[in-house]
Amino acid sequence: MSKKLLALLGSPHKDGATGTMLKYVLQEAEQQGWQITSINLYEQNIGYCNGCRTCIKTGNCVHKDDVQEISRDVYYQQLYI
C-alpha cells in the first residue's frame, strides 16, 4: 500500500515563501516514497458557508463547488500538509 500525502496551499502566491517551503517538503516526501496530491486552495472554486446546516442533515453542501472533491481527497490521504 502506498503512502498518500495531501498538500494544501492556501496562499495566492504559489511561488512565495510558503509555496517554496511546501515545494521543498514535497520533494523530500516524494524521495521518501510518498504519493502526493497537491491542491492550491486559492485556485479552487469554494463558496462561503451560509449557515443553512444542510450538510449536517444530508451530508452534502448546498454549494456545488470544489469542496466536495477536496473532501474526497482528504478522506483517502494518510498525511496532510
C-alpha atoms as a PDB file:
ATOM      1  CA  MET A   1       0.000   0.000   0.000  1.00  0.00           C
ATOM      2  CA  SER A   2       1.427   3.378  -0.985  1.00  0.00           C
ATOM      3  CA  LYS A   3       1.769   6.253   1.445  1.00  0.00           C
ATOM      4  CA  LYS A   4      -0.531   9.110   0.440  1.00  0.00           C
ATOM      5  CA  LEU A   5       0.038  12.766   1.279  1.00  0.00           C
ATOM      6  CA  LEU A   6      -2.269  15.713   0.609  1.00  0.00           C
ATOM      7  CA  ALA A   7      -0.630  19.133   0.389  1.00  0.00           C
ATOM      8  CA  LEU A   8      -2.923  22.154   0.693  1.00  0.00           C
ATOM      9  CA  LEU A   9      -1.593  25.591  -0.229  1.00  0.00           C
ATOM     10  CA  GLY A  10      -3.813  28.490   0.770  1.00  0.00           C
ATOM     11  CA  SER A  11      -1.603  31.337  -0.370  1.00  0.00           C
ATOM     12  CA  PRO A  12      -2.321  33.337  -3.536  1.00  0.00           C
ATOM     13  CA  HIS A  13       1.463  33.393  -4.093  1.00  0.00           C
ATOM     14  CA  LYS A  14       2.303  29.853  -5.150  1.00  0.00           C
ATOM     15  CA  ASP A  15       5.946  30.841  -5.637  1.00  0.00           C
ATOM     16  CA  GLY A  16       6.127  32.872  -2.426  1.00  0.00           C
ATOM     17  CA  ALA A  17       7.768  31.841   0.834  1.00  0.00           C
ATOM     18  CA  THR A  18       5.060  29.358   1.870  1.00  0.00           C
ATOM     19  CA  GLY A  19       4.796  27.841  -1.598  1.00  0.00           C
ATOM     20  CA  THR A  20       8.564  27.489  -1.848  1.00  0.00           C
ATOM     21  CA  MET A  21       8.767  25.760   1.542  1.00  0.00           C
ATOM     22  CA  LEU A  22       5.923  23.455   0.562  1.00  0.00           C
ATOM     23  CA  LYS A  23       7.669  22.506  -2.696  1.00  0.00           C
ATOM     24  CA  TYR A  24      10.814  21.621  -0.747  1.00  0.00           C
ATOM     25  CA  VAL A  25       8.884  19.448   1.721  1.00  0.00           C
ATOM     26  CA  LEU A  26       7.044  17.711  -1.122  1.00  0.00           C
ATOM     27  CA  GLN A  27      10.296  16.964  -2.940  1.00  0.00           C
ATOM     28  CA  GLU A  28      11.646  15.351   0.210  1.00  0.00           C
ATOM     29  CA  ALA A  29       8.410  13.415   0.770  1.00  0.00           C
ATOM     30  CA  GLU A  30       8.451  12.169  -2.811  1.00  0.00           C
ATOM     31  CA  GLN A  31      12.006  10.901  -2.341  1.00  0.00           C
ATOM     32  CA  GLN A  32      10.745   9.015   0.724  1.00  0.00           C
ATOM     33  CA  GLY A  33       8.115   7.253  -1.399  1.00  0.00           C
ATOM     34  CA  TRP A  34       5.012   9.327  -0.659  1.00  0.00           C
ATOM     35  CA  GLN A  35       2.341   9.620  -3.345  1.00  0.00           C
ATOM     36  CA  ILE A  36       1.483  13.330  -3.382  1.00  0.00           C
ATOM     37  CA  THR A  37      -1.725  15.166  -4.200  1.00  0.00           C
ATOM     38  CA  SER A  38      -1.358  18.956  -4.212  1.00  0.00           C
ATOM     39  CA  ILE A  39      -4.223  21.436  -4.131  1.00  0.00           C
ATOM     40  CA  ASN A  40      -3.854  25.196  -4.331  1.00  0.00           C
ATOM     41  CA  LEU A  41      -6.942  26.355  -2.435  1.00  0.00           C
ATOM     42  CA  TYR A  42      -6.635  29.860  -3.852  1.00  0.00           C
ATOM     43  CA  GLU A  43      -7.270  28.457  -7.345  1.00  0.00           C
ATOM     44  CA  GLN A  44     -10.342  26.446  -6.305  1.00  0.00           C
ATOM     45  CA  ASN A  45     -13.974  27.468  -6.507  1.00  0.00           C
ATOM     46  CA  ILE A  46     -15.021  27.486  -2.848  1.00  0.00           C
ATOM     47  CA  GLY A  47     -18.285  29.082  -1.789  1.00  0.00           C
ATOM     48  CA  TYR A  48     -18.927  30.741   1.538  1.00  0.00           C
ATOM     49  CA  CYS A  49     -20.879  28.888   4.183  1.00  0.00           C
ATOM     50  CA  ASN A  50     -24.306  30.429   4.645  1.00  0.00           C
ATOM     51  CA  GLY A  51     -25.059  28.543   7.854  1.00  0.00           C
ATOM     52  CA  CYS A  52     -28.022  26.605   6.468  1.00  0.00           C
ATOM     53  CA  ARG A  53     -26.814  23.383   8.181  1.00  0.00           C
ATOM     54  CA  THR A  54     -27.952  21.245   5.228  1.00  0.00           C
ATOM     55  CA  CYS A  55     -24.588  19.498   5.358  1.00  0.00           C
ATOM     56  CA  ILE A  56     -25.371  18.258   8.859  1.00  0.00           C
ATOM     57  CA  LYS A  57     -28.756  16.919   7.802  1.00  0.00           C
ATOM     58  CA  THR A  58     -27.797  15.393   4.445  1.00  0.00           C
ATOM     59  CA  GLY A  59     -24.008  15.114   4.483  1.00  0.00           C
ATOM     60  CA  ASN A  60     -23.831  17.353   1.398  1.00  0.00           C
ATOM     61  CA  CYS A  61     -23.291  21.068   0.995  1.00  0.00           C
ATOM     62  CA  VAL A  62     -25.801  23.131  -0.968  1.00  0.00           C
ATOM     63  CA  HIS A  63     -22.902  24.806  -2.770  1.00  0.00           C
ATOM     64  CA  LYS A  64     -21.797  22.928  -5.861  1.00  0.00           C
ATOM     65  CA  ASP A  65     -18.167  23.915  -5.642  1.00  0.00           C
ATOM     66  CA  ASP A  66     -14.770  22.246  -5.360  1.00  0.00           C
ATOM     67  CA  VAL A  67     -15.133  21.423  -1.656  1.00  0.00           C
ATOM     68  CA  GLN A  68     -16.815  18.099  -2.405  1.00  0.00           C
ATOM     69  CA  GLU A  69     -13.843  16.945  -4.482  1.00  0.00           C
ATOM     70  CA  ILE A  70     -11.350  18.264  -1.913  1.00  0.00           C
ATOM     71  CA  SER A  71     -13.259  16.407   0.820  1.00  0.00           C
ATOM     72  CA  ARG A  72     -12.928  13.158  -1.115  1.00  0.00           C
ATOM     73  CA  ASP A  73      -9.190  13.781  -1.489  1.00  0.00           C
ATOM     74  CA  VAL A  74      -8.885  14.398   2.263  1.00  0.00           C
ATOM     75  CA  TYR A  75     -10.688  11.162   3.075  1.00  0.00           C
ATOM     76  CA  TYR A  76      -8.196   8.968   1.199  1.00  0.00           C
ATOM     77  CA  GLN A  77      -4.956  10.518   2.457  1.00  0.00           C
ATOM     78  CA  GLN A  78      -2.745   9.420   5.329  1.00  0.00           C
ATOM     79  CA  LEU A  79      -0.861  12.678   5.884  1.00  0.00           C
ATOM     80  CA  TYR A  80      -1.813  16.325   5.426  1.00  0.00           C
ATOM     81  CA  ILE A  81       0.360  19.395   4.994  1.00  0.00           C
END
